[in-house]
C-alpha cells in the first residue's frame, strides 16, 4: 500500500495504535524499563509516519488534530518522567562520585600519617 492509498480508517487506526504505544511507554517508564521504551518508540514512530505521510481530506483533519493533541499530551507526560529519572540518576552519580572522592581523600590522609 502506498502512502496515497491510506484510508481514513487506516490512518485513525495507526494513530490510535501510536496513542496506545505512548501509554505503554509511560507504563514502562514507571517501571524503569528504558530499553523497552526505545523499542516501543520505534514502533510508535512507524505508525505515526504511516498515518501522517499521506495527504488527508479536510474532513479528516479534526480527528487527526485531536489524536495529535492526545499524543503530544502523552509525550509531555513521558518527557517529564524521563527528566525525573535522568535527574535522579545524575543525583545518584554525584553522590557516588562524592563518596569515592571522600574515600580517596581518607586513604590519602592515611598514607601520609
N, C-alpha and C. Protein backbone atom coordinates (compact mmCIF):
# COMPACT_ATOMS: atom_id res chain seq x y z
N UNK A 1 0.85 -1.17 0.00
CA UNK A 1 0.00 0.00 0.00
C UNK A 1 0.90 1.23 0.00
N UNK A 2 0.67 2.15 -0.92
CA UNK A 2 1.46 3.37 -0.97
C UNK A 2 0.86 4.38 0.00
N UNK A 3 1.63 5.44 0.25
CA UNK A 3 1.16 6.47 1.17
C UNK A 3 -0.16 7.07 0.70
N UNK A 4 -0.34 7.21 -0.60
CA UNK A 4 -1.56 7.80 -1.13
C UNK A 4 -2.77 6.88 -0.95
N UNK A 5 -2.54 5.59 -0.74
CA UNK A 5 -3.62 4.62 -0.63
C UNK A 5 -4.18 4.49 0.79
N UNK A 6 -3.62 5.16 1.76
CA UNK A 6 -4.08 5.01 3.13
C UNK A 6 -5.50 5.58 3.25
N UNK A 7 -6.35 4.82 3.91
CA UNK A 7 -7.73 5.28 4.10
C UNK A 7 -7.84 6.01 5.42
N UNK A 8 -8.94 6.71 5.58
CA UNK A 8 -9.21 7.42 6.82
C UNK A 8 -9.22 6.44 8.00
N UNK A 9 -9.81 5.27 7.78
CA UNK A 9 -9.88 4.25 8.84
C UNK A 9 -8.47 3.75 9.18
N UNK A 10 -7.66 3.50 8.15
CA UNK A 10 -6.27 3.06 8.39
C UNK A 10 -5.50 4.13 9.16
N UNK A 11 -5.67 5.37 8.74
CA UNK A 11 -4.94 6.47 9.38
C UNK A 11 -5.31 6.54 10.86
N UNK A 12 -6.60 6.51 11.14
CA UNK A 12 -7.04 6.63 12.54
C UNK A 12 -6.59 5.42 13.35
N UNK A 13 -6.62 4.24 12.75
CA UNK A 13 -6.16 3.04 13.46
C UNK A 13 -4.68 3.16 13.81
N UNK A 14 -3.89 3.69 12.91
CA UNK A 14 -2.46 3.86 13.19
C UNK A 14 -2.22 4.91 14.26
N UNK A 15 -2.99 5.97 14.23
CA UNK A 15 -2.86 6.99 15.28
C UNK A 15 -3.31 6.44 16.63
N UNK A 16 -4.37 5.65 16.64
CA UNK A 16 -4.82 5.03 17.90
C UNK A 16 -3.76 4.05 18.42
N UNK A 17 -3.10 3.34 17.52
CA UNK A 17 -2.01 2.45 17.93
C UNK A 17 -0.86 3.26 18.51
N UNK A 18 -0.56 4.40 17.91
CA UNK A 18 0.51 5.27 18.43
C UNK A 18 0.14 5.77 19.83
N UNK A 19 -1.11 6.09 20.05
CA UNK A 19 -1.57 6.52 21.38
C UNK A 19 -1.43 5.38 22.38
N UNK A 20 -1.82 4.18 21.98
CA UNK A 20 -1.67 3.02 22.86
C UNK A 20 -0.20 2.79 23.20
N UNK A 21 0.66 2.87 22.19
CA UNK A 21 2.09 2.68 22.43
C UNK A 21 2.63 3.76 23.37
N UNK A 22 2.13 4.98 23.24
CA UNK A 22 2.56 6.06 24.14
C UNK A 22 2.18 5.74 25.58
N UNK A 23 0.98 5.22 25.77
CA UNK A 23 0.56 4.83 27.12
C UNK A 23 1.42 3.68 27.64
N UNK A 24 1.73 2.73 26.76
CA UNK A 24 2.61 1.63 27.16
C UNK A 24 3.99 2.15 27.54
N UNK A 25 4.47 3.15 26.81
CA UNK A 25 5.78 3.74 27.13
C UNK A 25 5.76 4.39 28.51
N UNK A 26 4.67 5.05 28.84
CA UNK A 26 4.54 5.67 30.17
C UNK A 26 4.53 4.59 31.24
N UNK A 27 3.82 3.50 31.00
CA UNK A 27 3.82 2.38 31.95
C UNK A 27 5.23 1.82 32.13
N UNK A 28 5.94 1.65 31.03
CA UNK A 28 7.31 1.12 31.10
C UNK A 28 8.23 2.10 31.83
N UNK A 29 8.05 3.38 31.60
CA UNK A 29 8.87 4.39 32.29
C UNK A 29 8.64 4.31 33.79
N UNK A 30 7.41 4.07 34.19
CA UNK A 30 7.10 3.93 35.61
C UNK A 30 7.81 2.75 36.24
N UNK A 31 8.15 1.76 35.43
CA UNK A 31 8.88 0.58 35.91
C UNK A 31 10.38 0.67 35.63
N UNK A 32 10.81 1.75 35.00
CA UNK A 32 12.23 1.90 34.70
C UNK A 32 12.72 1.01 33.57
N UNK A 33 11.84 0.59 32.70
CA UNK A 33 12.19 -0.30 31.58
C UNK A 33 12.57 0.53 30.36
N UNK A 34 13.73 1.18 30.41
CA UNK A 34 14.13 2.13 29.37
C UNK A 34 14.41 1.46 28.03
N UNK A 35 14.95 0.26 28.04
CA UNK A 35 15.22 -0.44 26.79
C UNK A 35 13.91 -0.75 26.06
N UNK A 36 12.90 -1.14 26.80
CA UNK A 36 11.59 -1.43 26.21
C UNK A 36 10.97 -0.17 25.62
N UNK A 37 11.19 0.96 26.27
CA UNK A 37 10.66 2.23 25.77
C UNK A 37 11.25 2.54 24.40
N UNK A 38 12.52 2.28 24.23
CA UNK A 38 13.17 2.55 22.94
C UNK A 38 12.52 1.72 21.83
N UNK A 39 12.21 0.47 22.11
CA UNK A 39 11.56 -0.39 21.11
C UNK A 39 10.14 0.11 20.81
N UNK A 40 9.41 0.47 21.85
CA UNK A 40 8.06 1.00 21.64
C UNK A 40 8.09 2.30 20.85
N UNK A 41 9.11 3.12 21.08
CA UNK A 41 9.26 4.38 20.34
C UNK A 41 9.46 4.11 18.86
N UNK A 42 10.25 3.10 18.52
CA UNK A 42 10.44 2.76 17.10
C UNK A 42 9.11 2.35 16.47
N UNK A 43 8.35 1.55 17.18
CA UNK A 43 7.04 1.13 16.66
C UNK A 43 6.10 2.32 16.51
N UNK A 44 6.09 3.17 17.52
CA UNK A 44 5.21 4.34 17.51
C UNK A 44 5.56 5.27 16.35
N UNK A 45 6.84 5.48 16.16
CA UNK A 45 7.29 6.34 15.07
C UNK A 45 6.82 5.80 13.72
N UNK A 46 6.92 4.47 13.54
CA UNK A 46 6.45 3.86 12.30
C UNK A 46 4.97 4.08 12.06
N UNK A 47 4.17 3.92 13.11
CA UNK A 47 2.73 4.16 12.98
C UNK A 47 2.43 5.61 12.64
N UNK A 48 3.14 6.52 13.28
CA UNK A 48 2.89 7.94 13.03
C UNK A 48 3.30 8.34 11.62
N UNK A 49 4.45 7.86 11.18
CA UNK A 49 4.89 8.17 9.82
C UNK A 49 3.89 7.64 8.81
N UNK A 50 3.46 6.40 9.00
CA UNK A 50 2.47 5.80 8.09
C UNK A 50 1.17 6.60 8.08
N UNK A 51 0.76 7.05 9.23
CA UNK A 51 -0.51 7.77 9.33
C UNK A 51 -0.44 9.17 8.75
N UNK A 52 0.71 9.80 8.84
CA UNK A 52 0.78 11.23 8.50
C UNK A 52 1.43 11.55 7.17
N UNK A 53 2.04 10.57 6.52
CA UNK A 53 2.76 10.91 5.29
C UNK A 53 1.83 11.12 4.09
N UNK A 54 0.65 10.55 4.13
CA UNK A 54 -0.28 10.69 3.01
C UNK A 54 -1.16 11.93 3.19
N UNK A 55 -1.53 12.55 2.09
CA UNK A 55 -2.45 13.68 2.19
C UNK A 55 -3.76 13.25 2.83
N UNK A 56 -4.42 14.18 3.49
CA UNK A 56 -5.69 13.84 4.13
C UNK A 56 -6.77 14.80 3.67
N UNK A 57 -7.98 14.33 3.78
CA UNK A 57 -9.11 15.17 3.40
C UNK A 57 -9.39 16.19 4.50
N UNK A 58 -10.12 17.21 4.14
CA UNK A 58 -10.48 18.22 5.12
C UNK A 58 -11.27 17.63 6.27
N UNK A 59 -12.10 16.65 5.95
CA UNK A 59 -12.93 16.04 6.99
C UNK A 59 -12.10 15.24 8.00
N UNK A 60 -10.92 14.80 7.59
CA UNK A 60 -10.05 14.03 8.50
C UNK A 60 -9.25 14.92 9.44
N UNK A 61 -9.04 16.16 9.07
CA UNK A 61 -8.09 16.99 9.81
C UNK A 61 -8.46 17.16 11.28
N UNK A 62 -9.73 17.30 11.60
CA UNK A 62 -10.12 17.49 13.01
C UNK A 62 -9.80 16.26 13.84
N UNK A 63 -10.14 15.10 13.31
CA UNK A 63 -9.87 13.85 14.03
C UNK A 63 -8.37 13.63 14.20
N UNK A 64 -7.62 13.91 13.14
CA UNK A 64 -6.16 13.77 13.21
C UNK A 64 -5.60 14.77 14.21
N UNK A 65 -6.12 16.00 14.17
CA UNK A 65 -5.68 17.03 15.12
C UNK A 65 -5.91 16.58 16.56
N UNK A 66 -7.08 16.03 16.84
CA UNK A 66 -7.39 15.55 18.19
C UNK A 66 -6.44 14.44 18.62
N UNK A 67 -6.16 13.53 17.70
CA UNK A 67 -5.23 12.43 18.02
C UNK A 67 -3.83 12.97 18.29
N UNK A 68 -3.40 13.94 17.48
CA UNK A 68 -2.07 14.51 17.67
C UNK A 68 -1.99 15.28 18.99
N UNK A 69 -3.06 15.95 19.36
CA UNK A 69 -3.09 16.65 20.66
C UNK A 69 -2.93 15.65 21.80
N UNK A 70 -3.62 14.53 21.69
CA UNK A 70 -3.52 13.49 22.71
C UNK A 70 -2.10 12.92 22.75
N UNK A 71 -1.52 12.70 21.59
CA UNK A 71 -0.14 12.20 21.53
C UNK A 71 0.84 13.19 22.16
N UNK A 72 0.64 14.47 21.90
CA UNK A 72 1.53 15.48 22.48
C UNK A 72 1.40 15.52 24.00
N UNK A 73 0.18 15.37 24.50
CA UNK A 73 -0.02 15.36 25.95
C UNK A 73 0.69 14.15 26.57
N UNK A 74 0.51 12.99 25.97
CA UNK A 74 1.18 11.78 26.47
C UNK A 74 2.69 11.91 26.37
N UNK A 75 3.15 12.51 25.29
CA UNK A 75 4.59 12.68 25.12
C UNK A 75 5.16 13.63 26.17
N UNK A 76 4.42 14.66 26.52
CA UNK A 76 4.85 15.58 27.58
C UNK A 76 4.95 14.85 28.91
N UNK A 77 3.97 14.01 29.18
CA UNK A 77 3.99 13.22 30.42
C UNK A 77 5.21 12.29 30.45
N UNK A 78 5.46 11.64 29.33
CA UNK A 78 6.62 10.75 29.24
C UNK A 78 7.92 11.54 29.39
N UNK A 79 8.01 12.69 28.74
CA UNK A 79 9.22 13.51 28.83
C UNK A 79 9.48 13.93 30.28
N UNK A 80 8.43 14.26 31.02
CA UNK A 80 8.60 14.62 32.43
C UNK A 80 9.13 13.44 33.23
N UNK A 81 8.64 12.24 32.93
CA UNK A 81 9.12 11.05 33.63
C UNK A 81 10.59 10.76 33.29
N UNK A 82 10.95 10.95 32.04
CA UNK A 82 12.33 10.74 31.62
C UNK A 82 13.24 11.76 32.30
N UNK A 83 12.80 13.01 32.36
CA UNK A 83 13.60 14.05 33.01
C UNK A 83 13.79 13.73 34.49
N UNK A 84 12.72 13.30 35.15
CA UNK A 84 12.82 12.96 36.57
C UNK A 84 13.80 11.80 36.77
N UNK A 85 13.73 10.78 35.93
CA UNK A 85 14.64 9.64 36.05
C UNK A 85 16.08 10.07 35.77
N UNK A 86 16.25 10.92 34.78
CA UNK A 86 17.59 11.42 34.46
C UNK A 86 18.16 12.23 35.63
N UNK A 87 17.34 13.10 36.20
CA UNK A 87 17.78 13.91 37.34
C UNK A 87 18.15 13.03 38.53
N UNK A 88 17.35 12.00 38.77
CA UNK A 88 17.63 11.07 39.87
C UNK A 88 18.93 10.31 39.62
N UNK A 89 19.14 9.88 38.40
CA UNK A 89 20.39 9.18 38.05
C UNK A 89 21.58 10.10 38.23
N UNK A 90 21.44 11.35 37.81
CA UNK A 90 22.52 12.33 37.96
C UNK A 90 22.83 12.56 39.43
N UNK A 91 21.78 12.66 40.25
CA UNK A 91 21.97 12.85 41.69
C UNK A 91 22.70 11.65 42.30
N UNK A 92 22.28 10.44 41.93
CA UNK A 92 22.94 9.24 42.45
C UNK A 92 24.39 9.17 41.99
N UNK A 93 24.64 9.54 40.74
CA UNK A 93 26.01 9.54 40.22
C UNK A 93 26.87 10.52 41.02
N UNK A 94 26.36 11.71 41.28
CA UNK A 94 27.12 12.70 42.05
C UNK A 94 27.38 12.22 43.47
N UNK A 95 26.39 11.58 44.08
CA UNK A 95 26.59 11.06 45.44
C UNK A 95 27.66 9.97 45.44
N UNK A 96 27.64 9.13 44.44
CA UNK A 96 28.65 8.08 44.32
C UNK A 96 30.04 8.68 44.10
N UNK A 97 30.11 9.67 43.22
CA UNK A 97 31.39 10.33 42.95
C UNK A 97 31.93 11.01 44.22
N UNK A 98 31.05 11.68 44.94
CA UNK A 98 31.48 12.35 46.18
C UNK A 98 31.95 11.33 47.21
N UNK A 99 31.26 10.20 47.28
CA UNK A 99 31.68 9.14 48.20
C UNK A 99 33.05 8.60 47.83
N UNK A 100 33.28 8.41 46.55
CA UNK A 100 34.59 7.93 46.10
C UNK A 100 35.68 8.94 46.40
N UNK A 101 35.37 10.22 46.16
CA UNK A 101 36.36 11.27 46.45
C UNK A 101 36.67 11.33 47.94
N UNK A 102 35.65 11.18 48.77
CA UNK A 102 35.86 11.19 50.22
C UNK A 102 36.69 9.99 50.65
N UNK A 103 36.40 8.81 50.08
CA UNK A 103 37.17 7.61 50.42
C UNK A 103 38.62 7.77 49.98
N UNK A 104 38.84 8.34 48.80
CA UNK A 104 40.21 8.54 48.30
C UNK A 104 40.95 9.54 49.20
N UNK A 105 40.27 10.62 49.59
CA UNK A 105 40.90 11.60 50.46
C UNK A 105 41.26 10.96 51.80
N UNK A 106 40.38 10.12 52.32
CA UNK A 106 40.65 9.43 53.57
C UNK A 106 41.86 8.51 53.42
N UNK A 107 41.92 7.79 52.31
CA UNK A 107 43.06 6.89 52.06
C UNK A 107 44.35 7.69 51.92
N UNK A 108 44.28 8.83 51.23
CA UNK A 108 45.47 9.66 51.05
C UNK A 108 45.97 10.20 52.39
N UNK A 109 45.05 10.57 53.28
CA UNK A 109 45.44 11.05 54.61
C UNK A 109 46.10 9.92 55.38
N UNK A 110 45.57 8.72 55.25
CA UNK A 110 46.14 7.56 55.93
C UNK A 110 47.54 7.25 55.46
N UNK A 111 47.84 7.51 54.21
CA UNK A 111 49.17 7.23 53.65
C UNK A 111 50.21 8.22 54.14
N UNK A 112 49.79 9.45 54.43
CA UNK A 112 50.74 10.47 54.85
C UNK A 112 50.97 10.47 56.35
N UNK A 113 50.14 9.76 57.11
CA UNK A 113 50.32 9.77 58.56
C UNK A 113 51.33 8.76 59.01
